[in-house]
Amino acid sequence: MFLKPKLFASSSSNKTANVFLNQASGFYDKSAKAGERMTLLEGSILEKPDPSGWIYRDLEILANQGHVERIGAKYKVIKPITGSTSGTAAAVLGVGFKPAGYQQWKFGNGQSIYDAGEK
């Protein structure tokens, strides 16, 4: 049985970061479909995921495709990957977090996507 990934290779490149969370930078596109609004950019660090969860599964697929690199229990984005705001925030924060992505991702001025009215 094949499950559709929630984190997947980005179809676009040359994006400039407009949102940030911990050691990750992303490009938020309000006009994209809900599951495709966030693109994690090169150099973003993703914390250790739950090895029994979908984030781990998707990151392992992306690692095998050359989009992320395993660094111990963490991952580093090598080529942009796309997902929902909450899914990407959960990948950035690691095991134990089930964040509301619109609250977690912040613009350069410190405002969350939600607080800026960009949800």
PDB file of N, CA and C in Angstrom:
ATOM      1  N   MET A   1       0.846  -1.182   0.000  1.00  0.00           N
ATOM      2  CA  MET A   1       0.000   0.000   0.000  1.00  0.00           C
ATOM      3  C   MET A   1       0.890   1.242   0.000  1.00  0.00           C
ATOM      4  N   PHE A   2       0.656   2.144  -0.927  1.00  0.00           N
ATOM      5  CA  PHE A   2       1.449   3.371  -1.038  1.00  0.00           C
ATOM      6  C   PHE A   2       0.667   4.533  -0.448  1.00  0.00           C
ATOM      7  N   LEU A   3       1.296   5.239   0.471  1.00  0.00           N
ATOM      8  CA  LEU A   3       0.692   6.431   1.059  1.00  0.00           C
ATOM      9  C   LEU A   3       1.283   7.658   0.392  1.00  0.00           C
ATOM     10  N   LYS A   4       0.417   8.582   0.004  1.00  0.00           N
ATOM     11  CA  LYS A   4       0.886   9.814  -0.630  1.00  0.00           C
ATOM     12  C   LYS A   4       1.703  10.622   0.381  1.00  0.00           C
ATOM     13  N   PRO A   5       2.913  11.025   0.003  1.00  0.00           N
ATOM     14  CA  PRO A   5       3.733  11.803   0.945  1.00  0.00           C
ATOM     15  C   PRO A   5       3.127  13.174   1.234  1.00  0.00           C
ATOM     16  N   LYS A   6       3.366  13.642   2.452  1.00  0.00           N
ATOM     17  CA  LYS A   6       2.916  14.978   2.847  1.00  0.00           C
ATOM     18  C   LYS A   6       4.048  15.989   2.729  1.00  0.00           C
ATOM     19  N   LEU A   7       5.287  15.498   2.685  1.00  0.00           N
ATOM     20  CA  LEU A   7       6.472  16.303   2.402  1.00  0.00           C
ATOM     21  C   LEU A   7       7.059  15.725   1.125  1.00  0.00           C
ATOM     22  N   PHE A   8       7.295  16.560   0.131  1.00  0.00           N
ATOM     23  CA  PHE A   8       7.739  16.051  -1.162  1.00  0.00           C
ATOM     24  C   PHE A   8       8.646  17.063  -1.845  1.00  0.00           C
ATOM     25  N   ALA A   9       9.348  16.590  -2.875  1.00  0.00           N
ATOM     26  CA  ALA A   9      10.259  17.454  -3.624  1.00  0.00           C
ATOM     27  C   ALA A   9       9.491  18.635  -4.196  1.00  0.00           C
ATOM     28  N   SER A  10      10.070  19.811  -4.090  1.00  0.00           N
ATOM     29  CA  SER A  10       9.443  21.023  -4.609  1.00  0.00           C
ATOM     30  C   SER A  10       9.547  21.064  -6.120  1.00  0.00           C
ATOM     31  N   SER A  11       8.491  21.535  -6.740  1.00  0.00           N
ATOM     32  CA  SER A  11       8.494  21.661  -8.200  1.00  0.00           C
ATOM     33  C   SER A  11       9.082  22.986  -8.652  1.00  0.00           C
ATOM     34  N   SER A  12       9.402  23.849  -7.718  1.00  0.00           N
ATOM     35  CA  SER A  12       9.958  25.151  -8.082  1.00  0.00           C
ATOM     36  C   SER A  12      11.251  25.409  -7.328  1.00  0.00           C
ATOM     37  N   SER A  13      12.066  26.277  -7.882  1.00  0.00           N
ATOM     38  CA  SER A  13      13.319  26.623  -7.230  1.00  0.00           C
ATOM     39  C   SER A  13      13.498  28.134  -7.254  1.00  0.00           C
ATOM     40  N   ASN A  14      14.633  28.594  -6.799  1.00  0.00           N
ATOM     41  CA  ASN A  14      14.955  30.020  -6.770  1.00  0.00           C
ATOM     42  C   ASN A  14      13.981  30.834  -5.927  1.00  0.00           C
ATOM     43  N   LYS A  15      13.525  30.269  -4.820  1.00  0.00           N
ATOM     44  CA  LYS A  15      12.646  30.999  -3.903  1.00  0.00           C
ATOM     45  C   LYS A  15      13.516  31.695  -2.864  1.00  0.00           C
ATOM     46  N   THR A  16      13.056  32.838  -2.423  1.00  0.00           N
ATOM     47  CA  THR A  16      13.736  33.581  -1.374  1.00  0.00           C
ATOM     48  C   THR A  16      12.945  33.419  -0.082  1.00  0.00           C
ATOM     49  N   ALA A  17      13.630  33.148   1.001  1.00  0.00           N
ATOM     50  CA  ALA A  17      12.970  32.939   2.292  1.00  0.00           C
ATOM     51  C   ALA A  17      12.135  34.147   2.687  1.00  0.00           C
ATOM     52  N   ASN A  18      10.897  33.870   3.118  1.00  0.00           N
ATOM     53  CA  ASN A  18      10.068  34.945   3.664  1.00  0.00           C
ATOM     54  C   ASN A  18       9.520  34.589   5.045  1.00  0.00           C
ATOM     55  N   VAL A  19       9.769  33.344   5.506  1.00  0.00           N
ATOM     56  CA  VAL A  19       9.372  32.928   6.851  1.00  0.00           C
ATOM     57  C   VAL A  19      10.488  32.080   7.464  1.00  0.00           C
ATOM     58  N   PHE A  20      10.485  32.048   8.813  1.00  0.00           N
ATOM     59  CA  PHE A  20      11.582  31.405   9.525  1.00  0.00           C
ATOM     60  C   PHE A  20      11.061  30.685  10.760  1.00  0.00           C
ATOM     61  N   LEU A  21      11.734  29.579  11.125  1.00  0.00           N
ATOM     62  CA  LEU A  21      11.401  28.819  12.329  1.00  0.00           C
ATOM     63  C   LEU A  21      12.658  28.069  12.761  1.00  0.00           C
ATOM     64  N   ASN A  22      13.148  28.362  13.952  1.00  0.00           N
ATOM     65  CA  ASN A  22      14.382  27.756  14.466  1.00  0.00           C
ATOM     66  C   ASN A  22      15.493  27.851  13.432  1.00  0.00           C
ATOM     67  N   GLN A  23      16.058  26.715  13.020  1.00  0.00           N
ATOM     68  CA  GLN A  23      17.161  26.717  12.065  1.00  0.00           C
ATOM     69  C   GLN A  23      16.677  26.441  10.643  1.00  0.00           C
ATOM     70  N   ALA A  24      15.451  26.828  10.358  1.00  0.00           N
ATOM     71  CA  ALA A  24      14.871  26.590   9.034  1.00  0.00           C
ATOM     72  C   ALA A  24      14.379  27.895   8.428  1.00  0.00           C
ATOM     73  N   SER A  25      14.491  27.953   7.114  1.00  0.00           N
ATOM     74  CA  SER A  25      13.918  29.080   6.379  1.00  0.00           C
ATOM     75  C   SER A  25      12.996  28.498   5.314  1.00  0.00           C
ATOM     76  N   GLY A  26      11.937  29.244   5.050  1.00  0.00           N
ATOM     77  CA  GLY A  26      10.956  28.746   4.095  1.00  0.00           C
ATOM     78  C   GLY A  26      10.367  29.856   3.255  1.00  0.00           C
ATOM     79  N   PHE A  27       9.666  29.416   2.233  1.00  0.00           N
ATOM     80  CA  PHE A  27       8.924  30.339   1.386  1.00  0.00           C
ATOM     81  C   PHE A  27       7.459  29.991   1.536  1.00  0.00           C
ATOM     82  N   TYR A  28       6.667  30.942   2.040  1.00  0.00           N
ATOM     83  CA  TYR A  28       5.230  30.755   2.228  1.00  0.00           C
ATOM     84  C   TYR A  28       4.490  31.383   1.063  1.00  0.00           C
ATOM     85  N   ASP A  29       3.613  30.594   0.440  1.00  0.00           N
ATOM     86  CA  ASP A  29       2.820  31.050  -0.700  1.00  0.00           C
ATOM     87  C   ASP A  29       1.340  30.862  -0.366  1.00  0.00           C
ATOM     88  N   LYS A  30       0.699  31.957   0.036  1.00  0.00           N
ATOM     89  CA  LYS A  30      -0.709  31.934   0.438  1.00  0.00           C
ATOM     90  C   LYS A  30      -1.621  31.441  -0.681  1.00  0.00           C
ATOM     91  N   SER A  31      -1.234  31.638  -1.937  1.00  0.00           N
ATOM     92  CA  SER A  31      -2.091  31.283  -3.066  1.00  0.00           C
ATOM     93  C   SER A  31      -2.012  29.802  -3.450  1.00  0.00           C
ATOM     94  N   ALA A  32      -1.073  29.063  -2.886  1.00  0.00           N
ATOM     95  CA  ALA A  32      -0.924  27.637  -3.213  1.00  0.00           C
ATOM     96  C   ALA A  32      -1.989  26.816  -2.494  1.00  0.00           C
ATOM     97  N   LYS A  33      -2.163  25.556  -2.925  1.00  0.00           N
ATOM     98  CA  LYS A  33      -3.068  24.628  -2.245  1.00  0.00           C
ATOM     99  C   LYS A  33      -2.601  24.448  -0.806  1.00  0.00           C
ATOM    100  N   ALA A  34      -3.523  24.167   0.101  1.00  0.00           N
ATOM    101  CA  ALA A  34      -3.213  24.095   1.537  1.00  0.00           C
ATOM    102  C   ALA A  34      -2.026  23.181   1.837  1.00  0.00           C
ATOM    103  N   GLY A  35      -1.911  22.035   1.223  1.00  0.00           N
ATOM    104  CA  GLY A  35      -0.829  21.110   1.495  1.00  0.00           C
ATOM    105  C   GLY A  35       0.469  21.445   0.791  1.00  0.00           C
ATOM    106  N   GLU A  36       0.484  22.590   0.075  1.00  0.00           N
ATOM    107  CA  GLU A  36       1.667  22.971  -0.702  1.00  0.00           C
ATOM    108  C   GLU A  36       2.085  24.426  -0.476  1.00  0.00           C
ATOM    109  N   ARG A  37       1.643  25.020   0.608  1.00  0.00           N
ATOM    110  CA  ARG A  37       1.898  26.449   0.836  1.00  0.00           C
ATOM    111  C   ARG A  37       3.302  26.757   1.347  1.00  0.00           C
ATOM    112  N   MET A  38       3.995  25.767   1.886  1.00  0.00           N
ATOM    113  CA  MET A  38       5.306  26.022   2.470  1.00  0.00           C
ATOM    114  C   MET A  38       6.376  25.240   1.731  1.00  0.00           C
ATOM    115  N   THR A  39       7.441  25.936   1.371  1.00  0.00           N
ATOM    116  CA  THR A  39       8.610  25.294   0.786  1.00  0.00           C
ATOM    117  C   THR A  39       9.775  25.503   1.731  1.00  0.00           C
ATOM    118  N   LEU A  40      10.361  24.391   2.199  1.00  0.00           N
ATOM    119  CA  LEU A  40      11.558  24.460   3.028  1.00  0.00           C
ATOM    120  C   LEU A  40      12.753  24.622   2.108  1.00  0.00           C
ATOM    121  N   LEU A  41      13.595  25.606   2.404  1.00  0.00           N
ATOM    122  CA  LEU A  41      14.703  25.945   1.525  1.00  0.00           C
ATOM    123  C   LEU A  41      16.009  25.278   1.954  1.00  0.00           C
ATOM    124  N   GLU A  42      16.958  25.272   1.022  1.00  0.00           N
ATOM    125  CA  GLU A  42      18.263  24.654   1.243  1.00  0.00           C
ATOM    126  C   GLU A  42      18.897  25.168   2.524  1.00  0.00           C
ATOM    127  N   GLY A  43      19.514  24.248   3.248  1.00  0.00           N
ATOM    128  CA  GLY A  43      20.196  24.603   4.482  1.00  0.00           C
ATOM    129  C   GLY A  43      19.341  24.488   5.727  1.00  0.00           C
ATOM    130  N   SER A  44      18.028  24.335   5.561  1.00  0.00           N
ATOM    131  CA  SER A  44      17.139  24.199   6.722  1.00  0.00           C
ATOM    132  C   SER A  44      17.468  22.918   7.476  1.00  0.00           C
ATOM    133  N   ILE A  45      17.474  23.011   8.806  1.00  0.00           N
ATOM    134  CA  ILE A  45      17.745  21.857   9.663  1.00  0.00           C
ATOM    135  C   ILE A  45      16.420  21.376  10.255  1.00  0.00           C
ATOM    136  N   LEU A  46      16.198  20.073  10.140  1.00  0.00           N
ATOM    137  CA  LEU A  46      14.980  19.433  10.644  1.00  0.00           C
ATOM    138  C   LEU A  46      15.372  18.540  11.808  1.00  0.00           C
ATOM    139  N   GLU A  47      14.701  18.704  12.928  1.00  0.00           N
ATOM    140  CA  GLU A  47      15.028  17.937  14.128  1.00  0.00           C
ATOM    141  C   GLU A  47      14.593  16.479  13.998  1.00  0.00           C
ATOM    142  N   LYS A  48      15.042  15.665  14.942  1.00  0.00           N
ATOM    143  CA  LYS A  48      14.766  14.231  14.931  1.00  0.00           C
ATOM    144  C   LYS A  48      13.257  13.964  14.907  1.00  0.00           C
ATOM    145  N   PRO A  49      12.766  13.250  13.879  1.00  0.00           N
ATOM    146  CA  PRO A  49      11.340  12.920  13.827  1.00  0.00           C
ATOM    147  C   PRO A  49      11.040  11.621  14.583  1.00  0.00           C
ATOM    148  N   ASP A  50       9.783  11.402  14.865  1.00  0.00           N
ATOM    149  CA  ASP A  50       9.327  10.137  15.451  1.00  0.00           C
ATOM    150  C   ASP A  50       9.546   9.041  14.414  1.00  0.00           C
ATOM    151  N   PRO A  51      10.362   8.018  14.702  1.00  0.00           N
ATOM    152  CA  PRO A  51      10.664   6.998  13.700  1.00  0.00           C
ATOM    153  C   PRO A  51       9.458   6.167  13.259  1.00  0.00           C
ATOM    154  N   SER A  52       8.349   6.264  13.974  1.00  0.00           N
ATOM    155  CA  SER A  52       7.158   5.519  13.563  1.00  0.00           C
ATOM    156  C   SER A  52       6.144   6.409  12.841  1.00  0.00           C
ATOM    157  N   GLY A  53       6.501   7.660  12.610  1.00  0.00           N
ATOM    158  CA  GLY A  53       5.540   8.599  12.029  1.00  0.00           C
ATOM    159  C   GLY A  53       5.743   8.885  10.557  1.00  0.00           C
ATOM    160  N   TRP A  54       4.806   9.612   9.984  1.00  0.00           N
ATOM    161  CA  TRP A  54       4.837   9.928   8.550  1.00  0.00           C
ATOM    162  C   TRP A  54       5.975  10.885   8.187  1.00  0.00           C
ATOM    163  N   ILE A  55       6.369  11.763   9.111  1.00  0.00           N
ATOM    164  CA  ILE A  55       7.454  12.695   8.797  1.00  0.00           C
ATOM    165  C   ILE A  55       8.742  11.915   8.559  1.00  0.00           C
ATOM    166  N   TYR A  56       9.033  10.957   9.424  1.00  0.00           N
ATOM    167  CA  TYR A  56      10.214  10.113   9.242  1.00  0.00           C
ATOM    168  C   TYR A  56      10.136   9.388   7.899  1.00  0.00           C
ATOM    169  N   ARG A  57       8.993   8.801   7.609  1.00  0.00           N
ATOM    170  CA  ARG A  57       8.811   8.078   6.341  1.00  0.00           C
ATOM    171  C   ARG A  57       9.090   9.001   5.152  1.00  0.00           C
ATOM    172  N   ASP A  58       8.487  10.181   5.159  1.00  0.00           N
ATOM    173  CA  ASP A  58       8.671  11.113   4.042  1.00  0.00           C
ATOM    174  C   ASP A  58      10.115  11.607   3.944  1.00  0.00           C
ATOM    175  N   LEU A  59      10.750  11.888   5.088  1.00  0.00           N
ATOM    176  CA  LEU A  59      12.131  12.366   5.061  1.00  0.00           C
ATOM    177  C   LEU A  59      13.090  11.286   4.574  1.00  0.00           C
ATOM    178  N   GLU A  60      12.825  10.042   4.907  1.00  0.00           N
ATOM    179  CA  GLU A  60      13.674   8.952   4.418  1.00  0.00           C
ATOM    180  C   GLU A  60      13.542   8.811   2.898  1.00  0.00           C
ATOM    181  N   ILE A  61      12.335   8.961   2.385  1.00  0.00           N
ATOM    182  CA  ILE A  61      12.134   8.937   0.926  1.00  0.00           C
ATOM    183  C   ILE A  61      12.898  10.091   0.291  1.00  0.00           C
ATOM    184  N   LEU A  62      12.770  11.284   0.864  1.00  0.00           N
ATOM    185  CA  LEU A  62      13.466  12.461   0.328  1.00  0.00           C
ATOM    186  C   LEU A  62      14.984  12.319   0.440  1.00  0.00           C
ATOM    187  N   ALA A  63      15.463  11.666   1.498  1.00  0.00           N
ATOM    188  CA  ALA A  63      16.906  11.426   1.641  1.00  0.00           C
ATOM    189  C   ALA A  63      17.388  10.501   0.530  1.00  0.00           C
ATOM    190  N   ASN A  64      16.626   9.467   0.248  1.00  0.00           N
ATOM    191  CA  ASN A  64      16.993   8.534  -0.823  1.00  0.00           C
ATOM    192  C   ASN A  64      16.940   9.183  -2.199  1.00  0.00           C
ATOM    193  N   GLN A  65      16.150  10.247  -2.331  1.00  0.00           N
ATOM    194  CA  GLN A  65      16.042  10.979  -3.604  1.00  0.00           C
ATOM    195  C   GLN A  65      17.067  12.120  -3.693  1.00  0.00           C
ATOM    196  N   GLY A  66      17.815  12.362  -2.617  1.00  0.00           N
ATOM    197  CA  GLY A  66      18.828  13.413  -2.624  1.00  0.00           C
ATOM    198  C   GLY A  66      18.317  14.806  -2.310  1.00  0.00           C
ATOM    199  N   HIS A  67      17.154  14.911  -1.700  1.00  0.00           N
ATOM    200  CA  HIS A  67      16.601  16.229  -1.355  1.00  0.00           C
ATOM    201  C   HIS A  67      16.938  16.652   0.070  1.00  0.00           C
ATOM    202  N   VAL A  68      17.158  15.675   0.942  1.00  0.00           N
ATOM    203  CA  VAL A  68      17.614  15.961   2.303  1.00  0.00           C
ATOM    204  C   VAL A  68      18.787  15.047   2.616  1.00  0.00           C
ATOM    205  N   GLU A  69      19.604  15.487   3.566  1.00  0.00           N
ATOM    206  CA  GLU A  69      20.783  14.726   3.979  1.00  0.00           C
ATOM    207  C   GLU A  69      20.622  14.361   5.443  1.00  0.00           C
ATOM    208  N   ARG A  70      20.902  13.116   5.779  1.00  0.00           N
ATOM    209  CA  ARG A  70      20.861  12.682   7.170  1.00  0.00           C
ATOM    210  C   ARG A  70      22.110  13.213   7.880  1.00  0.00           C
ATOM    211  N   ILE A  71      21.902  13.845   9.021  1.00  0.00           N
ATOM    212  CA  ILE A  71      23.012  14.325   9.859  1.00  0.00           C
ATOM    213  C   ILE A  71      22.720  13.803  11.268  1.00  0.00           C
ATOM    214  N   GLY A  72      23.241  12.638  11.577  1.00  0.00           N
ATOM    215  CA  GLY A  72      22.896  11.988  12.844  1.00  0.00           C
ATOM    216  C   GLY A  72      21.411  11.673  12.843  1.00  0.00           C
ATOM    217  N   ALA A  73      20.699  12.162  13.859  1.00  0.00           N
ATOM    218  CA  ALA A  73      19.254  11.940  13.941  1.00  0.00           C
ATOM    219  C   ALA A  73      18.461  13.065  13.277  1.00  0.00           C
ATOM    220  N   LYS A  74      19.186  14.078  12.766  1.00  0.00           N
ATOM    221  CA  LYS A  74      18.531  15.221  12.124  1.00  0.00           C
ATOM    222  C   LYS A  74      18.648  15.104  10.607  1.00  0.00           C
ATOM    223  N   TYR A  75      18.047  16.060   9.926  1.00  0.00           N
ATOM    224  CA  TYR A  75      18.114  16.135   8.467  1.00  0.00           C
ATOM    225  C   TYR A  75      18.432  17.565   8.059  1.00  0.00           C
ATOM    226  N   LYS A  76      19.124  17.702   6.939  1.00  0.00           N
ATOM    227  CA  LYS A  76      19.405  19.011   6.361  1.00  0.00           C
ATOM    228  C   LYS A  76      18.830  19.031   4.956  1.00  0.00           C
ATOM    229  N   VAL A  77      18.084  20.080   4.633  1.00  0.00           N
ATOM    230  CA  VAL A  77      17.487  20.214   3.312  1.00  0.00           C
ATOM    231  C   VAL A  77      18.585  20.590   2.316  1.00  0.00           C
ATOM    232  N   ILE A  78      18.724  19.787   1.253  1.00  0.00           N
ATOM    233  CA  ILE A  78      19.718  20.012   0.203  1.00  0.00           C
ATOM    234  C   ILE A  78      19.061  20.659  -1.020  1.00  0.00           C
ATOM    235  N   LYS A  79      17.838  20.194  -1.340  1.00  0.00           N
ATOM    236  CA  LYS A  79      17.028  20.753  -2.433  1.00  0.00           C
ATOM    237  C   LYS A  79      15.658  21.045  -1.832  1.00  0.00           C
ATOM    238  N   PRO A  80      14.976  22.101  -2.271  1.00  0.00           N
ATOM    239  CA  PRO A  80      13.703  22.496  -1.652  1.00  0.00           C
ATOM    240  C   PRO A  80      12.678  21.366  -1.590  1.00  0.00           C
ATOM    241  N   ILE A  81      11.957  21.338  -0.464  1.00  0.00           N
ATOM    242  CA  ILE A  81      10.850  20.394  -0.292  1.00  0.00           C
ATOM    243  C   ILE A  81       9.605  21.165   0.114  1.00  0.00           C
ATOM    244  N   THR A  82       8.461  20.638  -0.230  1.00  0.00           N
ATOM    245  CA  THR A  82       7.183  21.329  -0.046  1.00  0.00           C
ATOM    246  C   THR A  82       6.249  20.526   0.847  1.00  0.00           C
ATOM    247  N   GLY A  83       5.370  21.233   1.553  1.00  0.00           N
ATOM    248  CA  GLY A  83       4.348  20.610   2.381  1.00  0.00           C
ATOM    249  C   GLY A  83       3.436  21.676   2.958  1.00  0.00           C
ATOM    250  N   SER A  84       2.633  21.279   3.909  1.00  0.00           N
ATOM    251  CA  SER A  84       1.728  22.222   4.574  1.00  0.00           C
ATOM    252  C   SER A  84       2.507  23.038   5.602  1.00  0.00           C
ATOM    253  N   THR A  85       1.912  24.107   6.077  1.00  0.00           N
ATOM    254  CA  THR A  85       2.584  24.910   7.103  1.00  0.00           C
ATOM    255  C   THR A  85       2.779  24.097   8.381  1.00  0.00           C
ATOM    256  N   SER A  86       1.784  23.328   8.792  1.00  0.00           N
ATOM    257  CA  SER A  86       1.904  22.537  10.019  1.00  0.00           C
ATOM    258  C   SER A  86       2.839  21.351   9.836  1.00  0.00           C
ATOM    259  N   GLY A  87       2.768  20.685   8.702  1.00  0.00           N
ATOM    260  CA  GLY A  87       3.644  19.540   8.453  1.00  0.00           C
ATOM    261  C   GLY A  87       5.106  19.936   8.416  1.00  0.00           C
ATOM    262  N   THR A  88       5.403  21.047   7.760  1.00  0.00           N
ATOM    263  CA  THR A  88       6.792  21.496   7.703  1.00  0.00           C
ATOM    264  C   THR A  88       7.254  21.981   9.074  1.00  0.00           C
ATOM    265  N   ALA A  89       6.374  22.652   9.821  1.00  0.00           N
ATOM    266  CA  ALA A  89       6.739  23.100  11.175  1.00  0.00           C
ATOM    267  C   ALA A  89       7.017  21.889  12.062  1.00  0.00           C
ATOM    268  N   ALA A  90       6.209  20.841  11.959  1.00  0.00           N
ATOM    269  CA  ALA A  90       6.429  19.625  12.747  1.00  0.00           C
ATOM    270  C   ALA A  90       7.764  18.989  12.379  1.00  0.00           C
ATOM    271  N   ALA A  91       8.128  19.006  11.089  1.00  0.00           N
ATOM    272  CA  ALA A  91       9.407  18.450  10.654  1.00  0.00           C
ATOM    273  C   ALA A  91      10.568  19.274  11.223  1.00  0.00           C
ATOM    274  N   VAL A  92      10.412  20.576  11.262  1.00  0.00           N
ATOM    275  CA  VAL A  92      11.464  21.453  11.781  1.00  0.00           C
ATOM    276  C   VAL A  92      11.622  21.260  13.288  1.00  0.00           C
ATOM    277  N   LEU A  93      10.524  21.137  14.009  1.00  0.00           N
ATOM    278  CA  LEU A  93      10.565  21.068  15.469  1.00  0.00           C
ATOM    279  C   LEU A  93      10.888  19.677  16.002  1.00  0.00           C
ATOM    280  N   GLY A  94      10.570  18.629  15.259  1.00  0.00           N
ATOM    281  CA  GLY A  94      10.928  17.269  15.649  1.00  0.00           C
ATOM    282  C   GLY A  94       9.892  16.567  16.501  1.00  0.00           C
ATOM    283  N   VAL A  95      10.322  15.410  16.997  1.00  0.00           N
ATOM    284  CA  VAL A  95       9.442  14.503  17.737  1.00  0.00           C
ATOM    285  C   VAL A  95       8.806  15.223  18.925  1.00  0.00           C
ATOM    286  N   GLY A  96       7.520  14.944  19.134  1.00  0.00           N
ATOM    287  CA  GLY A  96       6.811  15.500  20.278  1.00  0.00           C
ATOM    288  C   GLY A  96       6.037  16.773  19.996  1.00  0.00           C
ATOM    289  N   PHE A  97       6.207  17.354  18.814  1.00  0.00           N
ATOM    290  CA  PHE A  97       5.507  18.594  18.490  1.00  0.00           C
ATOM    291  C   PHE A  97       4.386  18.336  17.488  1.00  0.00           C
ATOM    292  N   LYS A  98       3.236  18.924  17.722  1.00  0.00           N
ATOM    293  CA  LYS A  98       2.124  18.928  16.771  1.00  0.00           C
ATOM    294  C   LYS A  98       1.680  20.380  16.647  1.00  0.00           C
ATOM    295  N   PRO A  99       2.504  21.179  15.988  1.00  0.00           N
ATOM    296  CA  PRO A  99       2.283  22.619  15.986  1.00  0.00           C
ATOM    297  C   PRO A  99       1.209  23.084  15.009  1.00  0.00           C
ATOM    298  N   ALA A 100       0.709  24.258  15.276  1.00  0.00           N
ATOM    299  CA  ALA A 100      -0.130  24.981  14.322  1.00  0.00           C
ATOM    300  C   ALA A 100       0.844  25.815  13.490  1.00  0.00           C
ATOM    301  N   GLY A 101       1.101  25.390  12.278  1.00  0.00           N
ATOM    302  CA  GLY A 101       2.120  26.015  11.449  1.00  0.00           C
ATOM    303  C   GLY A 101       1.923  27.490  11.211  1.00  0.00           C
ATOM    304  N   TYR A 102       0.676  27.924  11.089  1.00  0.00           N
ATOM    305  CA  TYR A 102       0.425  29.348  10.840  1.00  0.00           C
ATOM    306  C   TYR A 102       0.856  30.202  12.037  1.00  0.00           C
ATOM    307  N   GLN A 103       0.892  29.587  13.230  1.00  0.00           N
ATOM    308  CA  GLN A 103       1.338  30.294  14.438  1.00  0.00           C
ATOM    309  C   GLN A 103       2.856  30.221  14.596  1.00  0.00           C
ATOM    310  N   GLN A 104       3.483  29.114  14.152  1.00  0.00           N
ATOM    311  CA  GLN A 104       4.903  28.876  14.373  1.00  0.00           C
ATOM    312  C   GLN A 104       5.811  29.607  13.390  1.00  0.00           C
ATOM    313  N   TRP A 105       5.466  29.564  12.102  1.00  0.00           N
ATOM    314  CA  TRP A 105       6.302  30.218  11.088  1.00  0.00           C
ATOM    315  C   TRP A 105       6.176  31.728  11.230  1.00  0.00           C
ATOM    316  N   LYS A 106       7.316  32.436  11.230  1.00  0.00           N
ATOM    317  CA  LYS A 106       7.324  33.891  11.430  1.00  0.00           C
ATOM    318  C   LYS A 106       7.970  34.592  10.242  1.00  0.00           C
ATOM    319  N   PHE A 107       7.407  35.719   9.901  1.00  0.00           N
ATOM    320  CA  PHE A 107       8.012  36.599   8.899  1.00  0.00           C
ATOM    321  C   PHE A 107       9.228  37.278   9.529  1.00  0.00           C
ATOM    322  N   GLY A 108      10.016  37.942   8.734  1.00  0.00           N
ATOM    323  CA  GLY A 108      11.216  38.619   9.208  1.00  0.00           C
ATOM    324  C   GLY A 108      10.959  39.649  10.295  1.00  0.00           C
ATOM    325  N   ASN A 109       9.741  40.207  10.334  1.00  0.00           N
ATOM    326  CA  ASN A 109       9.402  41.208  11.350  1.00  0.00           C
ATOM    327  C   ASN A 109       8.939  40.578  12.664  1.00  0.00           C
ATOM    328  N   GLY A 110       8.951  39.226  12.736  1.00  0.00           N
ATOM    329  CA  GLY A 110       8.560  38.534  13.949  1.00  0.00           C
ATOM    330  C   GLY A 110       7.103  38.156  14.031  1.00  0.00           C
ATOM    331  N   GLN A 111       6.292  38.624  13.095  1.00  0.00           N
ATOM    332  CA  GLN A 111       4.864  38.278  13.095  1.00  0.00           C
ATOM    333  C   GLN A 111       4.651  36.889  12.524  1.00  0.00           C
ATOM    334  N   SER A 112       3.755  36.127  13.146  1.00  0.00           N
ATOM    335  CA  SER A 112       3.409  34.812  12.595  1.00  0.00           C
ATOM    336  C   SER A 112       2.549  35.020  11.343  1.00  0.00           C
ATOM    337  N   ILE A 113       2.460  33.978  10.546  1.00  0.00           N
ATOM    338  CA  ILE A 113       1.592  34.032   9.358  1.00  0.00           C
ATOM    339  C   ILE A 113       0.173  34.377   9.786  1.00  0.00           C
ATOM    340  N   TYR A 114      -0.281  33.752  10.874  1.00  0.00           N
ATOM    341  CA  TYR A 114      -1.633  33.989  11.389  1.00  0.00           C
ATOM    342  C   TYR A 114      -1.807  35.440  11.828  1.00  0.00           C
ATOM    343  N   ASP A 115      -0.874  35.934  12.650  1.00  0.00           N
ATOM    344  CA  ASP A 115      -0.985  37.304  13.170  1.00  0.00           C
ATOM    345  C   ASP A 115      -0.905  38.361  12.073  1.00  0.00           C
ATOM    346  N   ALA A 116      -0.203  38.034  10.994  1.00  0.00           N
ATOM    347  CA  ALA A 116      -0.081  38.972   9.867  1.00  0.00           C
ATOM    348  C   ALA A 116      -1.320  38.946   8.971  1.00  0.00           C
ATOM    349  N   GLY A 117      -2.265  38.032   9.272  1.00  0.00           N
ATOM    350  CA  GLY A 117      -3.486  37.937   8.465  1.00  0.00           C
ATOM    351  C   GLY A 117      -3.244  37.296   7.101  1.00  0.00           C
ATOM    352  N   GLU A 118      -2.192  36.483   7.002  1.00  0.00           N
ATOM    353  CA  GLU A 118      -1.836  35.883   5.718  1.00  0.00           C
ATOM    354  C   GLU A 118      -2.273  34.432   5.593  1.00  0.00           C
ATOM    355  N   LYS A 119      -3.024  33.928   6.566  1.00  0.00           N
ATOM    356  CA  LYS A 119      -3.465  32.524   6.533  1.00  0.00           C
ATOM    357  C   LYS A 119      -4.383  32.281   5.359  1.00  0.00           C
TER     358      LYS A 119
END
